[in-house]
Amino acid sequence: MLEKIIKAYDIRGLVDKEVTPDFAFALGVAFARFLEIEREPATIVVGEDMRESSPLLADAFSDGANSQGMDVIRIGLASTDMLYFASGKLNLPGIMFTASHNPAQYNGMKLCKSGAIPIGQESGLLQIRKFIEDGAPISNRPVGKSRKQDLLSAYVDYLLGCFPENSFQKRKLKVVVDAGNGMAGFTAPAVMSKLNVELIPMYFELDGTFPNHEANPIEPANLVALQKRVKKEGADIGLAFDGDADRCFLIDEAGSLVNPSALTALVAARELKANPGATIIYNLISSKAVPEVILENGGTPLRSRVGHSYIKKLMAESNAIFGGEHSGHFYFANFWRADSGMLAALYALSELMAVKSPLSKLLAPYNRYFSSGEINNTVKDSQAAIARVRAAYEDQCEVDELDGLTFTTEGWWFNIRASNTEPLLRLNVEANTQADMKKIRDAVLAVIKSR
């Protein structure tokens, strides 16, 4: 079971079957021992999302950590980036109880060291798993204590402090926010109340059963209601957050989905004005427009595999100032290299307020190619499907194995890789023309489904 639920960079599983209070207690014990060995501070920050099981799991984890001499600071309801803020600002290790965009029957945990340094398989999850399997050595420290601390106002003030004064007062915007009944329903009102915006809320009620739609904005069906509302209200922009609000997707004034790579390019160009020559990271399923924009603005583009623990590690090694993922994760050096959907949204709002043009025109220079978006395929044997695709295309393309397989020609590229968190095979295609994109997309899908 542990092998199933402990993923590449977090823990996720079915509530009451895989992720239980007993497991959370054992995780608290194991995490405490791991942190003691790593000589981390003896206090853990604990945040939780709106799922019904989250408080129970957080309680059990805290008891386990306390039993090993660890103190616990419970910050209560929080977005994942709010937990990262707490870890960074307080310089303490942390854990967030959330299953992010997964359906209601799931829950999970995201762990970090002090300073919001992520813990993935290679950087601690495998050791923690071994402690759970074998039983962690019992600490001789006295039993720890738990206390509560409200950090919402401090989180909001920190985000706004990342921008020059009056960045959000230049012109009034009409903003529709779809929280998907997730944690943006908690954080967005606190942030937006400080801006010169007319806020139109959608699904702000915290409800871990997700009664309106799944809180997974990468799926087009989950954006339809927001797209209609933006057009109906004549809004300047729509913002869609996932369940734990660490990802953000934009809808322009015409109701069209903004390519996340365009937002990466926009933020990259802005950051390079303030930090000439800096390094910026993009993941390998981002549009090829992203490294082009980085180079055009005098920066150094650095390509990464998919996943927050990999990007954050690469940011630390390269001293990069910003990183963007096509999945809607955006990472900021001034936010402890952590990802924040709300901070990405504020960058977009700041840039939009600074011009008189609509969002679609602001982003037009960054929309240069045609993308399929991420297409998820359920297959019995991911590796066999990948092998079939390789056999079909390796003779006509450059192939690299940074993350799955990426096939590249002058006119198009595509990447195929197995999910680290779900039983899926993911396909991303981009081409210079819409016709070529559709042609390659359909041909590769046919190979994937051929058995």
Protein backbone atom coordinates (compact mmCIF):
# COMPACT_ATOMS: atom_id res chain seq x y z
CA MET A 1 0.00 0.00 0.00
CA LEU A 2 2.79 2.42 0.87
CA GLU A 3 4.36 1.93 -2.54
CA LYS A 4 1.00 2.82 -4.09
CA ILE A 5 0.23 5.99 -2.16
CA ILE A 6 3.71 7.49 -1.70
CA LYS A 7 4.21 9.15 -5.08
CA ALA A 8 7.16 10.88 -6.69
CA TYR A 9 6.61 14.15 -4.82
CA ASP A 10 3.68 13.72 -2.45
CA ILE A 11 1.33 11.21 -0.81
CA ARG A 12 -2.18 10.51 -2.11
CA GLY A 13 -4.74 7.76 -1.68
CA LEU A 14 -8.31 6.79 -0.91
CA VAL A 15 -9.68 8.05 2.39
CA ASP A 16 -10.42 5.32 4.99
CA LYS A 17 -8.82 2.65 2.79
CA GLU A 18 -5.31 3.94 2.15
CA VAL A 19 -5.03 7.34 3.82
CA THR A 20 -6.33 6.81 7.36
CA PRO A 21 -5.79 8.42 10.78
CA ASP A 22 -3.58 5.45 11.72
CA PHE A 23 -1.43 6.08 8.66
CA ALA A 24 -1.32 9.82 9.44
CA PHE A 25 -0.15 9.05 13.01
CA ALA A 26 2.58 6.74 11.67
CA LEU A 27 3.57 9.43 9.18
CA GLY A 28 3.83 11.97 12.01
CA VAL A 29 6.19 9.63 13.88
CA ALA A 30 8.26 8.90 10.77
CA PHE A 31 8.43 12.53 9.64
CA ALA A 32 9.55 13.62 13.10
CA ARG A 33 12.37 11.09 13.09
CA PHE A 34 13.38 12.08 9.56
CA LEU A 35 13.51 15.75 10.54
CA GLU A 36 15.56 14.96 13.65
CA ILE A 37 18.11 13.04 11.57
CA GLU A 38 18.20 15.92 9.05
CA ARG A 39 18.79 18.34 11.95
CA GLU A 40 15.71 20.33 11.02
CA PRO A 41 13.93 22.53 13.61
CA ALA A 42 11.82 20.65 16.17
CA THR A 43 8.56 22.31 15.10
CA ILE A 44 6.30 21.39 12.17
CA VAL A 45 3.76 23.71 10.53
CA VAL A 46 0.54 21.91 9.64
CA GLY A 47 -2.07 23.16 7.15
CA GLU A 48 -5.25 21.53 5.89
CA ASP A 49 -7.70 21.94 3.03
CA MET A 50 -11.51 21.84 3.12
CA ARG A 51 -11.95 18.06 2.71
CA GLU A 52 -13.95 16.49 5.53
CA SER A 53 -11.12 14.09 6.34
CA SER A 54 -8.37 16.72 6.51
CA PRO A 55 -8.82 17.85 10.15
CA LEU A 56 -8.95 14.24 11.39
CA LEU A 57 -5.80 13.35 9.48
CA ALA A 58 -4.04 16.50 10.65
CA ASP A 59 -5.01 15.71 14.25
CA ALA A 60 -3.60 12.19 14.00
CA PHE A 61 -0.40 13.40 12.33
CA SER A 62 0.10 16.05 15.01
CA ASP A 63 -0.32 13.44 17.74
CA GLY A 64 2.29 11.24 16.05
CA ALA A 65 4.75 14.12 15.68
CA ASN A 66 4.15 15.27 19.28
CA SER A 67 4.85 11.75 20.52
CA GLN A 68 8.37 12.06 19.08
CA GLY A 69 9.09 15.38 20.72
CA MET A 70 8.06 17.62 17.85
CA ASP A 71 6.02 20.76 18.47
CA VAL A 72 3.29 21.54 15.96
CA ILE A 73 1.87 24.84 14.74
CA ARG A 74 -1.63 24.33 13.32
CA ILE A 75 -2.45 27.09 10.82
CA GLY A 76 -5.87 25.58 10.07
CA LEU A 77 -7.51 26.07 6.70
CA ALA A 78 -4.90 26.98 4.11
CA SER A 79 -4.03 26.80 0.45
CA THR A 80 -0.88 24.83 -0.31
CA ASP A 81 1.02 28.01 -1.15
CA MET A 82 -0.08 29.44 2.19
CA LEU A 83 1.57 26.43 3.86
CA TYR A 84 4.72 27.12 1.82
CA PHE A 85 4.56 30.73 2.98
CA ALA A 86 4.35 29.57 6.59
CA SER A 87 7.29 27.19 6.13
CA GLY A 88 9.34 29.90 4.44
CA LYS A 89 8.48 32.81 6.70
CA LEU A 90 8.83 30.83 9.95
CA ASN A 91 11.74 28.79 8.55
CA LEU A 92 10.13 25.54 9.74
CA PRO A 93 9.34 22.21 8.08
CA GLY A 94 5.72 21.76 7.08
CA ILE A 95 2.99 19.44 5.87
CA MET A 96 -0.16 20.23 3.91
CA PHE A 97 -3.14 17.89 4.06
CA THR A 98 -4.69 17.94 0.61
CA ALA A 99 -5.30 15.80 -2.44
CA SER A 100 -5.09 18.89 -4.64
CA HIS A 101 -7.31 18.40 -7.72
CA ASN A 102 -8.17 14.74 -7.03
CA PRO A 103 -11.83 13.78 -6.49
CA ALA A 104 -13.58 13.87 -3.11
CA GLN A 105 -12.76 10.29 -2.11
CA TYR A 106 -9.02 11.09 -2.00
CA ASN A 107 -6.76 12.88 0.42
CA GLY A 108 -3.03 13.20 0.81
CA MET A 109 -0.04 15.12 2.11
CA LYS A 110 2.65 17.41 0.71
CA LEU A 111 5.79 17.70 2.84
CA CYS A 112 8.62 20.21 2.95
CA LYS A 113 11.70 21.05 4.97
CA SER A 114 12.21 24.46 6.53
CA GLY A 115 12.27 27.26 3.99
CA ALA A 116 9.63 25.40 1.91
CA ILE A 117 12.24 23.01 0.48
CA PRO A 118 10.20 20.20 -1.11
CA ILE A 119 10.47 16.58 -0.05
CA GLY A 120 10.13 14.12 -2.93
CA GLN A 121 11.04 10.46 -3.26
CA GLU A 122 14.76 11.05 -3.66
CA SER A 123 14.90 13.78 -1.01
CA GLY A 124 13.11 12.04 1.84
CA LEU A 125 9.85 10.27 1.00
CA LEU A 126 11.56 6.90 0.52
CA GLN A 127 13.33 7.25 3.89
CA ILE A 128 10.07 8.26 5.56
CA ARG A 129 8.34 5.28 3.93
CA LYS A 130 11.03 2.96 5.30
CA PHE A 131 10.52 4.38 8.79
CA ILE A 132 6.79 3.62 8.49
CA GLU A 133 7.46 0.09 7.23
CA ASP A 134 10.17 -0.79 9.76
CA GLY A 135 9.05 1.34 12.67
CA ALA A 136 10.92 4.54 13.44
CA PRO A 137 13.39 4.58 16.34
CA ILE A 138 11.69 6.06 19.38
CA SER A 139 12.88 9.56 20.26
CA ASN A 140 14.04 10.29 23.80
CA ARG A 141 12.82 13.87 23.60
CA PRO A 142 9.92 14.99 25.81
CA VAL A 143 6.44 14.98 24.26
CA GLY A 144 5.85 18.01 22.06
CA LYS A 145 3.01 20.53 22.15
CA SER A 146 0.54 21.85 19.57
CA ARG A 147 -0.73 25.39 19.16
CA LYS A 148 -2.77 27.37 16.64
CA GLN A 149 -1.61 30.36 14.61
CA ASP A 150 -3.56 32.42 12.06
CA LEU A 151 -1.36 33.44 9.12
CA LEU A 152 -3.90 34.51 6.48
CA SER A 153 -3.30 38.27 6.85
CA ALA A 154 0.47 37.82 6.90
CA TYR A 155 0.24 35.66 3.75
CA VAL A 156 -1.80 38.33 1.92
CA ASP A 157 0.56 41.12 2.99
CA TYR A 158 3.58 39.13 1.83
CA LEU A 159 2.12 38.45 -1.63
CA LEU A 160 1.23 42.10 -2.17
CA GLY A 161 4.66 43.12 -0.91
CA CYS A 162 6.22 41.32 -3.89
CA PHE A 163 5.04 44.16 -6.15
CA PRO A 164 5.83 47.88 -6.36
CA GLU A 165 3.45 50.17 -4.51
CA ASN A 166 0.21 51.00 -6.38
CA SER A 167 0.67 48.07 -8.79
CA PHE A 168 -2.97 47.12 -8.29
CA GLN A 169 -4.57 50.56 -8.36
CA LYS A 170 -3.83 51.72 -11.92
CA ARG A 171 -7.21 50.82 -13.38
CA LYS A 172 -10.23 48.91 -12.10
CA LEU A 173 -10.73 45.39 -13.42
CA LYS A 174 -13.74 43.14 -13.35
CA VAL A 175 -12.45 39.75 -12.21
CA VAL A 176 -14.34 36.46 -12.08
CA VAL A 177 -12.77 33.85 -9.79
CA ASP A 178 -13.80 30.18 -9.87
CA ALA A 179 -12.56 28.57 -6.66
CA GLY A 180 -14.15 25.21 -7.49
CA ASN A 181 -15.29 24.94 -3.83
CA GLY A 182 -11.58 24.67 -2.99
CA MET A 183 -9.17 26.71 -0.93
CA ALA A 184 -9.18 29.76 -3.22
CA GLY A 185 -12.62 30.35 -1.71
CA PHE A 186 -10.74 31.07 1.51
CA THR A 187 -7.71 32.99 0.20
CA ALA A 188 -9.09 34.88 -2.81
CA PRO A 189 -11.51 37.14 -0.86
CA ALA A 190 -8.67 38.18 1.46
CA VAL A 191 -6.37 38.99 -1.47
CA MET A 192 -8.89 40.58 -3.83
CA SER A 193 -10.25 42.90 -1.13
CA LYS A 194 -6.90 44.72 -1.27
CA LEU A 195 -7.01 45.30 -5.04
CA ASN A 196 -8.84 47.74 -7.30
CA VAL A 197 -11.12 45.04 -8.68
CA GLU A 198 -14.77 44.17 -8.86
CA LEU A 199 -14.76 40.55 -7.69
CA ILE A 200 -17.35 38.15 -9.05
CA PRO A 201 -17.07 34.93 -7.01
CA MET A 202 -17.93 31.47 -8.27
CA TYR A 203 -18.13 28.43 -5.98
CA PHE A 204 -16.40 30.05 -3.01
CA GLU A 205 -18.20 27.79 -0.52
CA LEU A 206 -15.62 25.40 0.94
CA ASP A 207 -16.88 21.93 0.12
CA GLY A 208 -14.62 18.92 -0.30
CA THR A 209 -17.33 17.01 -2.15
CA PHE A 210 -16.94 19.44 -5.08
CA PRO A 211 -20.67 19.75 -5.86
CA ASN A 212 -20.28 21.98 -8.94
CA HIS A 213 -17.30 20.51 -10.77
CA GLU A 214 -14.00 18.87 -9.92
CA ALA A 215 -11.42 21.40 -8.81
CA ASN A 216 -9.11 20.48 -11.68
CA PRO A 217 -8.87 23.36 -14.15
CA ILE A 218 -6.58 21.49 -16.54
CA GLU A 219 -9.69 19.57 -17.69
CA PRO A 220 -11.60 21.78 -20.18
CA ALA A 221 -15.02 20.68 -18.91
CA ASN A 222 -14.26 22.23 -15.52
CA LEU A 223 -13.72 25.67 -17.10
CA VAL A 224 -16.95 25.93 -19.09
CA ALA A 225 -18.95 27.68 -16.35
CA LEU A 226 -16.18 30.23 -15.78
CA GLN A 227 -15.81 30.92 -19.50
CA LYS A 228 -19.55 31.58 -19.81
CA ARG A 229 -19.57 33.81 -16.73
CA VAL A 230 -16.65 35.93 -17.96
CA LYS A 231 -18.50 36.62 -21.22
CA LYS A 232 -21.85 37.21 -19.49
CA GLU A 233 -20.36 39.72 -17.02
CA GLY A 234 -18.15 41.44 -19.60
CA ALA A 235 -15.23 40.72 -17.27
CA ASP A 236 -11.61 41.60 -17.99
CA ILE A 237 -10.25 38.26 -16.78
CA GLY A 238 -11.26 34.96 -15.24
CA LEU A 239 -9.16 33.02 -12.74
CA ALA A 240 -9.57 29.29 -12.11
CA PHE A 241 -7.83 27.59 -9.18
CA ASP A 242 -7.45 23.93 -8.35
CA GLY A 243 -8.53 22.40 -5.04
CA ASP A 244 -5.54 23.49 -2.98
CA ALA A 245 -5.06 26.73 -4.98
CA ASP A 246 -1.43 26.18 -5.89
CA ARG A 247 -2.33 26.24 -9.59
CA CYS A 248 -4.01 29.01 -11.55
CA PHE A 249 -5.44 29.15 -15.09
CA LEU A 250 -6.56 32.31 -16.89
CA ILE A 251 -9.59 33.01 -19.07
CA ASP A 252 -9.39 36.08 -21.32
CA GLU A 253 -12.13 38.65 -21.94
CA ALA A 254 -13.51 36.60 -24.87
CA GLY A 255 -13.97 33.53 -22.67
CA SER A 256 -10.98 31.69 -24.15
CA LEU A 257 -8.53 29.66 -22.09
CA VAL A 258 -5.10 31.29 -21.87
CA ASN A 259 -2.29 28.90 -22.71
CA PRO A 260 -0.33 28.51 -19.42
CA SER A 261 2.89 28.83 -21.41
CA ALA A 262 1.82 32.33 -22.44
CA LEU A 263 1.55 33.29 -18.77
CA THR A 264 4.98 31.76 -18.15
CA ALA A 265 6.38 33.88 -20.98
CA LEU A 266 4.64 37.03 -19.70
CA VAL A 267 6.04 36.62 -16.18
CA ALA A 268 9.47 35.71 -17.60
CA ALA A 269 9.60 38.90 -19.66
CA ARG A 270 8.57 40.98 -16.64
CA GLU A 271 11.10 39.33 -14.34
CA LEU A 272 13.93 39.78 -16.84
CA LYS A 273 13.30 43.52 -16.96
CA ALA A 274 13.98 43.64 -13.23
CA ASN A 275 16.73 40.99 -13.30
CA PRO A 276 18.68 41.25 -16.59
CA GLY A 277 20.38 38.07 -17.70
CA ALA A 278 18.73 35.88 -15.07
CA THR A 279 17.96 32.18 -15.45
CA ILE A 280 14.36 31.09 -15.89
CA ILE A 281 13.14 27.50 -15.83
CA TYR A 282 10.42 26.00 -17.99
CA ASN A 283 9.29 22.40 -18.06
CA LEU A 284 9.60 20.24 -21.15
CA ILE A 285 5.90 20.35 -22.07
CA SER A 286 5.88 24.15 -22.20
CA SER A 287 5.53 25.86 -25.57
CA LYS A 288 8.77 26.44 -27.44
CA ALA A 289 7.72 30.10 -27.37
CA VAL A 290 8.83 30.20 -23.71
CA PRO A 291 12.59 29.69 -24.27
CA GLU A 292 12.33 31.98 -27.30
CA VAL A 293 10.88 34.80 -25.16
CA ILE A 294 13.47 34.22 -22.44
CA LEU A 295 16.31 34.51 -24.97
CA GLU A 296 14.73 37.55 -26.66
CA ASN A 297 14.65 39.29 -23.28
CA GLY A 298 18.28 38.50 -22.50
CA GLY A 299 17.67 35.66 -20.08
CA THR A 300 18.97 32.11 -19.82
CA PRO A 301 16.32 29.41 -20.39
CA LEU A 302 16.72 26.14 -18.49
CA ARG A 303 14.61 23.10 -19.37
CA SER A 304 13.28 20.86 -16.61
CA ARG A 305 11.33 17.65 -16.21
CA VAL A 306 7.76 17.88 -14.91
CA GLY A 307 7.15 18.09 -11.16
CA HIS A 308 7.54 20.65 -8.40
CA SER A 309 10.30 18.89 -6.48
CA TYR A 310 12.46 18.75 -9.63
CA ILE A 311 11.88 22.37 -10.59
CA LYS A 312 12.50 23.67 -7.07
CA LYS A 313 15.73 21.70 -6.85
CA LEU A 314 16.85 23.03 -10.23
CA MET A 315 15.94 26.58 -9.20
CA ALA A 316 18.16 26.26 -6.14
CA GLU A 317 21.06 24.81 -8.14
CA SER A 318 20.84 27.40 -10.94
CA ASN A 319 19.78 30.42 -8.85
CA ALA A 320 16.84 30.89 -11.21
CA ILE A 321 14.41 33.70 -10.45
CA PHE A 322 11.27 32.08 -11.86
CA GLY A 323 9.96 28.78 -13.17
CA GLY A 324 6.80 27.89 -15.05
CA GLU A 325 5.05 24.62 -15.77
CA HIS A 326 2.49 24.08 -18.50
CA SER A 327 0.24 22.46 -15.89
CA GLY A 328 -0.39 25.84 -14.25
CA HIS A 329 2.30 25.72 -11.55
CA PHE A 330 4.45 28.84 -11.27
CA TYR A 331 7.52 29.11 -9.00
CA PHE A 332 9.06 32.29 -7.64
CA ALA A 333 12.50 32.87 -6.15
CA ASN A 334 11.05 35.54 -3.87
CA PHE A 335 8.52 32.98 -2.59
CA TRP A 336 11.12 30.48 -1.39
CA ARG A 337 11.17 28.93 -4.89
CA ALA A 338 7.71 27.55 -4.15
CA ASP A 339 4.69 27.53 -6.43
CA SER A 340 1.79 29.88 -5.84
CA GLY A 341 -1.34 30.09 -7.94
CA MET A 342 -2.32 33.33 -6.24
CA LEU A 343 1.04 34.98 -6.87
CA ALA A 344 0.83 34.01 -10.55
CA ALA A 345 -2.66 35.52 -10.68
CA LEU A 346 -1.34 38.75 -9.15
CA TYR A 347 1.38 38.97 -11.80
CA ALA A 348 -1.28 38.70 -14.50
CA LEU A 349 -3.51 41.30 -12.82
CA SER A 350 -0.59 43.70 -12.31
CA GLU A 351 0.41 43.48 -15.97
CA LEU A 352 -3.19 43.87 -17.15
CA MET A 353 -3.77 46.92 -14.95
CA ALA A 354 -0.65 48.56 -16.42
CA VAL A 355 -2.07 48.60 -19.97
CA LYS A 356 -5.31 49.70 -21.59
CA SER A 357 -5.53 46.71 -23.91
CA PRO A 358 -7.49 43.51 -23.16
CA LEU A 359 -5.82 40.37 -21.87
CA SER A 360 -5.92 38.63 -25.25
CA LYS A 361 -3.91 41.45 -26.84
CA LEU A 362 -1.47 41.59 -23.90
CA LEU A 363 -0.68 37.89 -24.38
CA ALA A 364 -0.76 37.80 -28.19
CA PRO A 365 3.05 38.07 -28.58
CA TYR A 366 3.45 34.87 -26.58
CA ASN A 367 0.92 32.72 -28.44
CA ARG A 368 3.06 31.64 -31.40
CA TYR A 369 2.26 27.96 -31.92
CA PHE A 370 -0.59 25.48 -31.70
CA SER A 371 -0.89 23.15 -28.73
CA SER A 372 -3.03 20.09 -28.05
CA GLY A 373 -3.08 20.66 -24.32
CA GLU A 374 -2.41 17.67 -22.10
CA ILE A 375 -4.33 14.59 -23.22
CA ASN A 376 -4.66 11.82 -20.65
CA ASN A 377 -4.96 8.23 -21.82
CA THR A 378 -5.92 5.28 -19.62
CA VAL A 379 -3.87 2.28 -20.77
CA LYS A 380 -3.20 -1.13 -19.26
CA ASP A 381 0.56 -0.96 -19.83
CA SER A 382 2.10 2.50 -20.06
CA GLN A 383 5.60 1.25 -20.86
CA ALA A 384 4.35 -0.93 -23.70
CA ALA A 385 2.45 2.03 -25.16
CA ILE A 386 5.54 4.23 -24.90
CA ALA A 387 7.60 1.56 -26.64
CA ARG A 388 5.10 1.45 -29.52
CA VAL A 389 5.30 5.21 -29.95
CA ARG A 390 9.08 5.13 -29.89
CA ALA A 391 9.22 2.45 -32.55
CA ALA A 392 6.87 4.48 -34.74
CA TYR A 393 8.69 7.83 -34.50
CA GLU A 394 12.32 7.51 -33.43
CA ASP A 395 13.65 7.22 -36.99
CA GLN A 396 12.17 10.59 -38.06
CA CYS A 397 12.79 12.74 -34.95
CA GLU A 398 15.28 13.82 -32.35
CA VAL A 399 14.43 11.91 -29.17
CA ASP A 400 15.33 12.75 -25.59
CA GLU A 401 14.50 11.02 -22.32
CA LEU A 402 14.57 13.84 -19.77
CA ASP A 403 11.01 12.96 -18.72
CA GLY A 404 9.23 10.22 -20.63
CA LEU A 405 10.05 10.64 -24.31
CA THR A 406 10.13 13.89 -26.29
CA PHE A 407 10.16 13.70 -30.11
CA THR A 408 11.20 16.87 -31.95
CA THR A 409 11.32 18.03 -35.56
CA GLU A 410 11.54 21.53 -37.02
CA GLY A 411 7.78 21.78 -37.46
CA TRP A 412 6.45 19.98 -34.39
CA TRP A 413 7.24 18.16 -31.16
CA PHE A 414 5.41 15.91 -28.76
CA ASN A 415 6.05 14.42 -25.33
CA ILE A 416 4.63 11.23 -23.90
CA ARG A 417 5.11 10.21 -20.29
CA ALA A 418 3.47 8.14 -17.57
CA SER A 419 1.83 10.07 -14.72
CA ASN A 420 3.60 10.03 -11.36
CA THR A 421 0.33 10.36 -9.44
CA GLU A 422 -2.36 8.59 -11.51
CA PRO A 423 -2.66 5.50 -13.79
CA LEU A 424 -2.46 7.60 -16.93
CA LEU A 425 -0.29 8.17 -19.99
CA ARG A 426 0.00 11.87 -20.82
CA LEU A 427 0.46 13.29 -24.32
CA ASN A 428 1.36 16.88 -25.26
CA VAL A 429 1.73 18.02 -28.88
CA GLU A 430 2.76 21.38 -30.35
CA ALA A 431 3.22 22.38 -33.98
CA ASN A 432 3.80 25.43 -36.13
CA THR A 433 0.34 25.03 -37.69
CA GLN A 434 -3.03 23.90 -36.39
CA ALA A 435 -3.29 21.29 -39.14
CA ASP A 436 0.05 19.70 -38.27
CA MET A 437 -0.78 19.67 -34.56
CA LYS A 438 -4.03 17.81 -35.18
CA LYS A 439 -2.36 15.41 -37.60
CA ILE A 440 0.43 14.46 -35.18
CA ARG A 441 -1.94 14.34 -32.21
CA ASP A 442 -4.33 11.93 -33.89
CA ALA A 443 -1.55 9.74 -35.28
CA VAL A 444 0.16 9.35 -31.89
CA LEU A 445 -3.15 8.65 -30.14
CA ALA A 446 -3.82 5.94 -32.69
CA VAL A 447 -0.49 4.29 -31.84
CA ILE A 448 -1.20 4.54 -28.10
CA LYS A 449 -4.60 2.88 -28.50
CA SER A 450 -3.50 0.29 -31.06
CA ARG A 451 -3.51 -2.55 -28.50
